[in-house]
Amino acid sequence: MNAIYSFKNKIRPLINNKASKVWLSEKQGRRIECLFTIGSEQFVDSTIIYEDKKYVLRGQNISKAVEAKIIDEVKFNE
């Protein structure tokens, strides 16, 4: 959980726009449990920024440049 907290703090400055949202969820069988959110809910479709066997990171109103920076942080934490 400490790695997740560290990841959240590293990407928080990237989501400085209140018109954006990012959330990390852990897959548990058919269920998905939300671990954290940054930003506020938007009335737009969400996209998957990153997904592996255990986690899915989704976002709303995230630019491609910010998405690339978030993915770099994910890969750094692997």
PDB file of N, CA and C in Angstrom:
ATOM      1  N   MET A   1       0.819  -1.197   0.000  1.00  0.00           N
ATOM      2  CA  MET A   1       0.000   0.000   0.000  1.00  0.00           C
ATOM      3  C   MET A   1       0.860   1.258   0.000  1.00  0.00           C
ATOM      4  N   ASN A   2       2.055   1.189   0.557  1.00  0.00           N
ATOM      5  CA  ASN A   2       2.942   2.329   0.586  1.00  0.00           C
ATOM      6  C   ASN A   2       3.325   2.770  -0.827  1.00  0.00           C
ATOM      7  N   ALA A   3       3.529   1.817  -1.740  1.00  0.00           N
ATOM      8  CA  ALA A   3       3.857   2.144  -3.134  1.00  0.00           C
ATOM      9  C   ALA A   3       2.681   2.859  -3.801  1.00  0.00           C
ATOM     10  N   ILE A   4       1.467   2.469  -3.466  1.00  0.00           N
ATOM     11  CA  ILE A   4       0.281   3.119  -4.031  1.00  0.00           C
ATOM     12  C   ILE A   4       0.173   4.550  -3.528  1.00  0.00           C
ATOM     13  N   TYR A   5       0.415   4.759  -2.248  1.00  0.00           N
ATOM     14  CA  TYR A   5       0.390   6.102  -1.669  1.00  0.00           C
ATOM     15  C   TYR A   5       1.448   6.992  -2.320  1.00  0.00           C
ATOM     16  N   SER A   6       2.634   6.447  -2.528  1.00  0.00           N
ATOM     17  CA  SER A   6       3.715   7.182  -3.175  1.00  0.00           C
ATOM     18  C   SER A   6       3.343   7.542  -4.613  1.00  0.00           C
ATOM     19  N   PHE A   7       2.769   6.588  -5.342  1.00  0.00           N
ATOM     20  CA  PHE A   7       2.329   6.832  -6.717  1.00  0.00           C
ATOM     21  C   PHE A   7       1.271   7.928  -6.751  1.00  0.00           C
ATOM     22  N   LYS A   8       0.322   7.877  -5.841  1.00  0.00           N
ATOM     23  CA  LYS A   8      -0.736   8.895  -5.776  1.00  0.00           C
ATOM     24  C   LYS A   8      -0.141  10.284  -5.575  1.00  0.00           C
ATOM     25  N   ASN A   9       0.813  10.395  -4.677  1.00  0.00           N
ATOM     26  CA  ASN A   9       1.434  11.693  -4.420  1.00  0.00           C
ATOM     27  C   ASN A   9       2.262  12.192  -5.600  1.00  0.00           C
ATOM     28  N   LYS A  10       2.844  11.276  -6.368  1.00  0.00           N
ATOM     29  CA  LYS A  10       3.639  11.681  -7.530  1.00  0.00           C
ATOM     30  C   LYS A  10       2.768  12.181  -8.675  1.00  0.00           C
ATOM     31  N   ILE A  11       1.585  11.588  -8.845  1.00  0.00           N
ATOM     32  CA  ILE A  11       0.748  12.028  -9.966  1.00  0.00           C
ATOM     33  C   ILE A  11      -0.214  13.154  -9.586  1.00  0.00           C
ATOM     34  N   ARG A  12      -0.403  13.408  -8.301  1.00  0.00           N
ATOM     35  CA  ARG A  12      -1.321  14.476  -7.862  1.00  0.00           C
ATOM     36  C   ARG A  12      -1.023  15.822  -8.528  1.00  0.00           C
ATOM     37  N   PRO A  13       0.240  16.264  -8.611  1.00  0.00           N
ATOM     38  CA  PRO A  13       0.507  17.556  -9.263  1.00  0.00           C
ATOM     39  C   PRO A  13       0.139  17.571 -10.753  1.00  0.00           C
ATOM     40  N   LEU A  14       0.095  16.425 -11.388  1.00  0.00           N
ATOM     41  CA  LEU A  14      -0.279  16.358 -12.794  1.00  0.00           C
ATOM     42  C   LEU A  14      -1.774  16.595 -13.004  1.00  0.00           C
ATOM     43  N   ILE A  15      -2.558  16.338 -11.970  1.00  0.00           N
ATOM     44  CA  ILE A  15      -4.014  16.498 -12.038  1.00  0.00           C
ATOM     45  C   ILE A  15      -4.382  17.773 -11.281  1.00  0.00           C
ATOM     46  N   ASN A  16      -3.810  18.875 -11.696  1.00  0.00           N
ATOM     47  CA  ASN A  16      -4.045  20.136 -11.004  1.00  0.00           C
ATOM     48  C   ASN A  16      -5.293  20.849 -11.518  1.00  0.00           C
ATOM     49  N   ASN A  17      -5.902  20.318 -12.561  1.00  0.00           N
ATOM     50  CA  ASN A  17      -7.084  20.914 -13.157  1.00  0.00           C
ATOM     51  C   ASN A  17      -8.329  20.288 -12.516  1.00  0.00           C
ATOM     52  N   LYS A  18      -9.233  21.117 -12.012  1.00  0.00           N
ATOM     53  CA  LYS A  18     -10.432  20.577 -11.373  1.00  0.00           C
ATOM     54  C   LYS A  18     -11.373  19.921 -12.379  1.00  0.00           C
ATOM     55  N   ALA A  19     -11.099  20.084 -13.661  1.00  0.00           N
ATOM     56  CA  ALA A  19     -11.937  19.465 -14.693  1.00  0.00           C
ATOM     57  C   ALA A  19     -11.373  18.112 -15.118  1.00  0.00           C
ATOM     58  N   SER A  20     -10.568  17.494 -14.272  1.00  0.00           N
ATOM     59  CA  SER A  20      -9.988  16.182 -14.566  1.00  0.00           C
ATOM     60  C   SER A  20     -10.145  15.267 -13.359  1.00  0.00           C
ATOM     61  N   LYS A  21     -10.118  13.975 -13.636  1.00  0.00           N
ATOM     62  CA  LYS A  21     -10.194  12.998 -12.549  1.00  0.00           C
ATOM     63  C   LYS A  21      -9.407  11.756 -12.943  1.00  0.00           C
ATOM     64  N   VAL A  22      -8.722  11.176 -11.961  1.00  0.00           N
ATOM     65  CA  VAL A  22      -7.997   9.918 -12.129  1.00  0.00           C
ATOM     66  C   VAL A  22      -8.338   9.041 -10.938  1.00  0.00           C
ATOM     67  N   TRP A  23      -8.532   7.752 -11.181  1.00  0.00           N
ATOM     68  CA  TRP A  23      -8.731   6.836 -10.061  1.00  0.00           C
ATOM     69  C   TRP A  23      -8.094   5.498 -10.355  1.00  0.00           C
ATOM     70  N   LEU A  24      -7.553   4.911  -9.284  1.00  0.00           N
ATOM     71  CA  LEU A  24      -6.899   3.611  -9.358  1.00  0.00           C
ATOM     72  C   LEU A  24      -7.788   2.590  -8.666  1.00  0.00           C
ATOM     73  N   SER A  25      -8.004   1.475  -9.340  1.00  0.00           N
ATOM     74  CA  SER A  25      -8.821   0.402  -8.789  1.00  0.00           C
ATOM     75  C   SER A  25      -8.046  -0.906  -8.826  1.00  0.00           C
ATOM     76  N   GLU A  26      -8.328  -1.740  -7.851  1.00  0.00           N
ATOM     77  CA  GLU A  26      -7.726  -3.071  -7.789  1.00  0.00           C
ATOM     78  C   GLU A  26      -8.772  -4.090  -8.220  1.00  0.00           C
ATOM     79  N   LYS A  27      -8.369  -4.967  -9.125  1.00  0.00           N
ATOM     80  CA  LYS A  27      -9.272  -6.016  -9.594  1.00  0.00           C
ATOM     81  C   LYS A  27      -9.290  -7.145  -8.573  1.00  0.00           C
ATOM     82  N   GLN A  28     -10.482  -7.597  -8.253  1.00  0.00           N
ATOM     83  CA  GLN A  28     -10.658  -8.722  -7.324  1.00  0.00           C
ATOM     84  C   GLN A  28     -11.708  -9.643  -7.916  1.00  0.00           C
ATOM     85  N   GLY A  29     -11.249 -10.534  -8.781  1.00  0.00           N
ATOM     86  CA  GLY A  29     -12.187 -11.390  -9.491  1.00  0.00           C
ATOM     87  C   GLY A  29     -13.017 -10.557 -10.444  1.00  0.00           C
ATOM     88  N   ARG A  30     -14.322 -10.625 -10.292  1.00  0.00           N
ATOM     89  CA  ARG A  30     -15.220  -9.818 -11.124  1.00  0.00           C
ATOM     90  C   ARG A  30     -15.472  -8.440 -10.536  1.00  0.00           C
ATOM     91  N   ARG A  31     -15.047  -8.239  -9.318  1.00  0.00           N
ATOM     92  CA  ARG A  31     -15.224  -6.957  -8.625  1.00  0.00           C
ATOM     93  C   ARG A  31     -14.038  -6.047  -8.866  1.00  0.00           C
ATOM     94  N   ILE A  32     -14.274  -4.744  -8.745  1.00  0.00           N
ATOM     95  CA  ILE A  32     -13.195  -3.758  -8.810  1.00  0.00           C
ATOM     96  C   ILE A  32     -13.347  -2.846  -7.595  1.00  0.00           C
ATOM     97  N   GLU A  33     -12.285  -2.741  -6.808  1.00  0.00           N
ATOM     98  CA  GLU A  33     -12.301  -1.912  -5.595  1.00  0.00           C
ATOM     99  C   GLU A  33     -11.478  -0.655  -5.833  1.00  0.00           C
ATOM    100  N   CYS A  34     -12.082   0.506  -5.614  1.00  0.00           N
ATOM    101  CA  CYS A  34     -11.386   1.778  -5.787  1.00  0.00           C
ATOM    102  C   CYS A  34     -10.386   1.980  -4.649  1.00  0.00           C
ATOM    103  N   LEU A  35      -9.119   2.264  -5.008  1.00  0.00           N
ATOM    104  CA  LEU A  35      -8.082   2.492  -4.003  1.00  0.00           C
ATOM    105  C   LEU A  35      -7.890   3.975  -3.715  1.00  0.00           C
ATOM    106  N   PHE A  36      -7.964   4.821  -4.765  1.00  0.00           N
ATOM    107  CA  PHE A  36      -7.891   6.268  -4.557  1.00  0.00           C
ATOM    108  C   PHE A  36      -8.434   7.004  -5.769  1.00  0.00           C
ATOM    109  N   THR A  37      -8.819   8.268  -5.544  1.00  0.00           N
ATOM    110  CA  THR A  37      -9.228   9.164  -6.626  1.00  0.00           C
ATOM    111  C   THR A  37      -8.514  10.493  -6.436  1.00  0.00           C
ATOM    112  N   ILE A  38      -8.271  11.148  -7.547  1.00  0.00           N
ATOM    113  CA  ILE A  38      -7.725  12.507  -7.545  1.00  0.00           C
ATOM    114  C   ILE A  38      -8.583  13.306  -8.519  1.00  0.00           C
ATOM    115  N   GLY A  39      -9.044  14.467  -8.105  1.00  0.00           N
ATOM    116  CA  GLY A  39      -9.874  15.307  -8.962  1.00  0.00           C
ATOM    117  C   GLY A  39     -11.344  15.124  -8.653  1.00  0.00           C
ATOM    118  N   SER A  40     -12.172  15.727  -9.511  1.00  0.00           N
ATOM    119  CA  SER A  40     -13.614  15.664  -9.283  1.00  0.00           C
ATOM    120  C   SER A  40     -14.307  15.008 -10.472  1.00  0.00           C
ATOM    121  N   GLU A  41     -15.465  14.426 -10.180  1.00  0.00           N
ATOM    122  CA  GLU A  41     -16.257  13.711 -11.179  1.00  0.00           C
ATOM    123  C   GLU A  41     -16.600  14.623 -12.349  1.00  0.00           C
ATOM    124  N   GLN A  42     -16.490  14.093 -13.560  1.00  0.00           N
ATOM    125  CA  GLN A  42     -16.812  14.830 -14.776  1.00  0.00           C
ATOM    126  C   GLN A  42     -17.950  14.117 -15.500  1.00  0.00           C
ATOM    127  N   PHE A  43     -18.681  14.845 -16.296  1.00  0.00           N
ATOM    128  CA  PHE A  43     -19.777  14.257 -17.056  1.00  0.00           C
ATOM    129  C   PHE A  43     -19.311  13.903 -18.464  1.00  0.00           C
ATOM    130  N   VAL A  44     -18.219  13.139 -18.509  1.00  0.00           N
ATOM    131  CA  VAL A  44     -17.664  12.638 -19.764  1.00  0.00           C
ATOM    132  C   VAL A  44     -17.272  11.180 -19.541  1.00  0.00           C
ATOM    133  N   ASP A  45     -17.114  10.464 -20.627  1.00  0.00           N
ATOM    134  CA  ASP A  45     -16.690   9.070 -20.518  1.00  0.00           C
ATOM    135  C   ASP A  45     -15.278   8.992 -19.956  1.00  0.00           C
ATOM    136  N   SER A  46     -15.016   7.924 -19.245  1.00  0.00           N
ATOM    137  CA  SER A  46     -13.669   7.702 -18.730  1.00  0.00           C
ATOM    138  C   SER A  46     -12.901   6.838 -19.722  1.00  0.00           C
ATOM    139  N   THR A  47     -11.587   6.941 -19.655  1.00  0.00           N
ATOM    140  CA  THR A  47     -10.719   6.116 -20.485  1.00  0.00           C
ATOM    141  C   THR A  47      -9.769   5.348 -19.579  1.00  0.00           C
ATOM    142  N   ILE A  48      -9.308   4.222 -20.056  1.00  0.00           N
ATOM    143  CA  ILE A  48      -8.310   3.453 -19.315  1.00  0.00           C
ATOM    144  C   ILE A  48      -6.939   4.007 -19.675  1.00  0.00           C
ATOM    145  N   ILE A  49      -6.236   4.499 -18.668  1.00  0.00           N
ATOM    146  CA  ILE A  49      -4.888   5.033 -18.868  1.00  0.00           C
ATOM    147  C   ILE A  49      -3.883   3.897 -18.822  1.00  0.00           C
ATOM    148  N   TYR A  50      -4.085   2.969 -17.888  1.00  0.00           N
ATOM    149  CA  TYR A  50      -3.169   1.839 -17.718  1.00  0.00           C
ATOM    150  C   TYR A  50      -3.941   0.676 -17.106  1.00  0.00           C
ATOM    151  N   GLU A  51      -3.584  -0.536 -17.517  1.00  0.00           N
ATOM    152  CA  GLU A  51      -4.222  -1.723 -16.945  1.00  0.00           C
ATOM    153  C   GLU A  51      -3.250  -2.892 -16.982  1.00  0.00           C
ATOM    154  N   ASP A  52      -3.222  -3.643 -15.888  1.00  0.00           N
ATOM    155  CA  ASP A  52      -2.468  -4.893 -15.852  1.00  0.00           C
ATOM    156  C   ASP A  52      -3.353  -5.942 -15.186  1.00  0.00           C
ATOM    157  N   LYS A  53      -2.771  -7.058 -14.775  1.00  0.00           N
ATOM    158  CA  LYS A  53      -3.570  -8.149 -14.203  1.00  0.00           C
ATOM    159  C   LYS A  53      -4.234  -7.773 -12.882  1.00  0.00           C
ATOM    160  N   LYS A  54      -3.631  -6.839 -12.143  1.00  0.00           N
ATOM    161  CA  LYS A  54      -4.117  -6.532 -10.803  1.00  0.00           C
ATOM    162  C   LYS A  54      -4.807  -5.164 -10.682  1.00  0.00           C
ATOM    163  N   TYR A  55      -4.398  -4.181 -11.499  1.00  0.00           N
ATOM    164  CA  TYR A  55      -4.897  -2.812 -11.346  1.00  0.00           C
ATOM    165  C   TYR A  55      -5.425  -2.249 -12.659  1.00  0.00           C
ATOM    166  N   VAL A  56      -6.315  -1.261 -12.532  1.00  0.00           N
ATOM    167  CA  VAL A  56      -6.762  -0.470 -13.676  1.00  0.00           C
ATOM    168  C   VAL A  56      -6.782   0.991 -13.236  1.00  0.00           C
ATOM    169  N   LEU A  57      -6.168   1.843 -14.052  1.00  0.00           N
ATOM    170  CA  LEU A  57      -6.097   3.280 -13.785  1.00  0.00           C
ATOM    171  C   LEU A  57      -6.928   3.968 -14.858  1.00  0.00           C
ATOM    172  N   ARG A  58      -7.966   4.667 -14.426  1.00  0.00           N
ATOM    173  CA  ARG A  58      -8.880   5.332 -15.353  1.00  0.00           C
ATOM    174  C   ARG A  58      -8.784   6.839 -15.181  1.00  0.00           C
ATOM    175  N   GLY A  59      -9.195   7.570 -16.217  1.00  0.00           N
ATOM    176  CA  GLY A  59      -9.174   9.018 -16.142  1.00  0.00           C
ATOM    177  C   GLY A  59     -10.292   9.652 -16.941  1.00  0.00           C
ATOM    178  N   GLN A  60     -10.586  10.900 -16.599  1.00  0.00           N
ATOM    179  CA  GLN A  60     -11.554  11.710 -17.312  1.00  0.00           C
ATOM    180  C   GLN A  60     -10.905  13.055 -17.610  1.00  0.00           C
ATOM    181  N   ASN A  61     -11.031  13.518 -18.848  1.00  0.00           N
ATOM    182  CA  ASN A  61     -10.463  14.808 -19.276  1.00  0.00           C
ATOM    183  C   ASN A  61      -8.951  14.886 -19.041  1.00  0.00           C
ATOM    184  N   ILE A  62      -8.240  13.821 -19.344  1.00  0.00           N
ATOM    185  CA  ILE A  62      -6.787  13.788 -19.184  1.00  0.00           C
ATOM    186  C   ILE A  62      -6.159  13.956 -20.555  1.00  0.00           C
ATOM    187  N   SER A  63      -5.307  14.948 -20.703  1.00  0.00           N
ATOM    188  CA  SER A  63      -4.645  15.175 -21.988  1.00  0.00           C
ATOM    189  C   SER A  63      -3.663  14.040 -22.279  1.00  0.00           C
ATOM    190  N   LYS A  64      -3.315  13.877 -23.538  1.00  0.00           N
ATOM    191  CA  LYS A  64      -2.364  12.831 -23.935  1.00  0.00           C
ATOM    192  C   LYS A  64      -1.001  13.060 -23.285  1.00  0.00           C
ATOM    193  N   ALA A  65      -0.601  14.325 -23.138  1.00  0.00           N
ATOM    194  CA  ALA A  65       0.695  14.635 -22.516  1.00  0.00           C
ATOM    195  C   ALA A  65       0.711  14.213 -21.049  1.00  0.00           C
ATOM    196  N   VAL A  66      -0.350  14.520 -20.321  1.00  0.00           N
ATOM    197  CA  VAL A  66      -0.440  14.138 -18.906  1.00  0.00           C
ATOM    198  C   VAL A  66      -0.561  12.621 -18.793  1.00  0.00           C
ATOM    199  N   GLU A  67      -1.320  12.016 -19.681  1.00  0.00           N
ATOM    200  CA  GLU A  67      -1.460  10.561 -19.679  1.00  0.00           C
ATOM    201  C   GLU A  67      -0.098   9.887 -19.848  1.00  0.00           C
ATOM    202  N   ALA A  68       0.722  10.415 -20.750  1.00  0.00           N
ATOM    203  CA  ALA A  68       2.067   9.848 -20.965  1.00  0.00           C
ATOM    204  C   ALA A  68       2.926   9.978 -19.708  1.00  0.00           C
ATOM    205  N   LYS A  69       2.823  11.096 -19.009  1.00  0.00           N
ATOM    206  CA  LYS A  69       3.588  11.286 -17.771  1.00  0.00           C
ATOM    207  C   LYS A  69       3.126  10.319 -16.680  1.00  0.00           C
ATOM    208  N   ILE A  70       1.822  10.092 -16.605  1.00  0.00           N
ATOM    209  CA  ILE A  70       1.287   9.149 -15.619  1.00  0.00           C
ATOM    210  C   ILE A  70       1.785   7.737 -15.926  1.00  0.00           C
ATOM    211  N   ILE A  71       1.746   7.359 -17.192  1.00  0.00           N
ATOM    212  CA  ILE A  71       2.226   6.037 -17.594  1.00  0.00           C
ATOM    213  C   ILE A  71       3.705   5.878 -17.266  1.00  0.00           C
ATOM    214  N   ASP A  72       4.502   6.936 -17.447  1.00  0.00           N
ATOM    215  CA  ASP A  72       5.918   6.885 -17.070  1.00  0.00           C
ATOM    216  C   ASP A  72       6.068   6.615 -15.585  1.00  0.00           C
ATOM    217  N   GLU A  73       5.223   7.216 -14.753  1.00  0.00           N
ATOM    218  CA  GLU A  73       5.276   6.971 -13.305  1.00  0.00           C
ATOM    219  C   GLU A  73       4.885   5.530 -12.979  1.00  0.00           C
ATOM    220  N   VAL A  74       3.896   5.005 -13.681  1.00  0.00           N
ATOM    221  CA  VAL A  74       3.480   3.607 -13.469  1.00  0.00           C
ATOM    222  C   VAL A  74       4.635   2.692 -13.770  1.00  0.00           C
ATOM    223  N   LYS A  75       5.281   2.887 -14.904  1.00  0.00           N
ATOM    224  CA  LYS A  75       6.378   2.024 -15.320  1.00  0.00           C
ATOM    225  C   LYS A  75       7.578   2.153 -14.387  1.00  0.00           C
ATOM    226  N   PHE A  76       7.789   3.357 -13.822  1.00  0.00           N
ATOM    227  CA  PHE A  76       8.869   3.564 -12.871  1.00  0.00           C
ATOM    228  C   PHE A  76       8.620   2.771 -11.597  1.00  0.00           C
ATOM    229  N   ASN A  77       7.343   2.649 -11.205  1.00  0.00           N
ATOM    230  CA  ASN A  77       6.987   1.959  -9.969  1.00  0.00           C
ATOM    231  C   ASN A  77       6.895   0.445 -10.095  1.00  0.00           C
ATOM    232  N   GLU A  78       6.995  -0.091 -11.303  1.00  0.00           N
ATOM    233  CA  GLU A  78       6.882  -1.544 -11.493  1.00  0.00           C
ATOM    234  C   GLU A  78       8.086  -2.265 -10.945  1.00  0.00           C
TER     235      GLU A  78
END
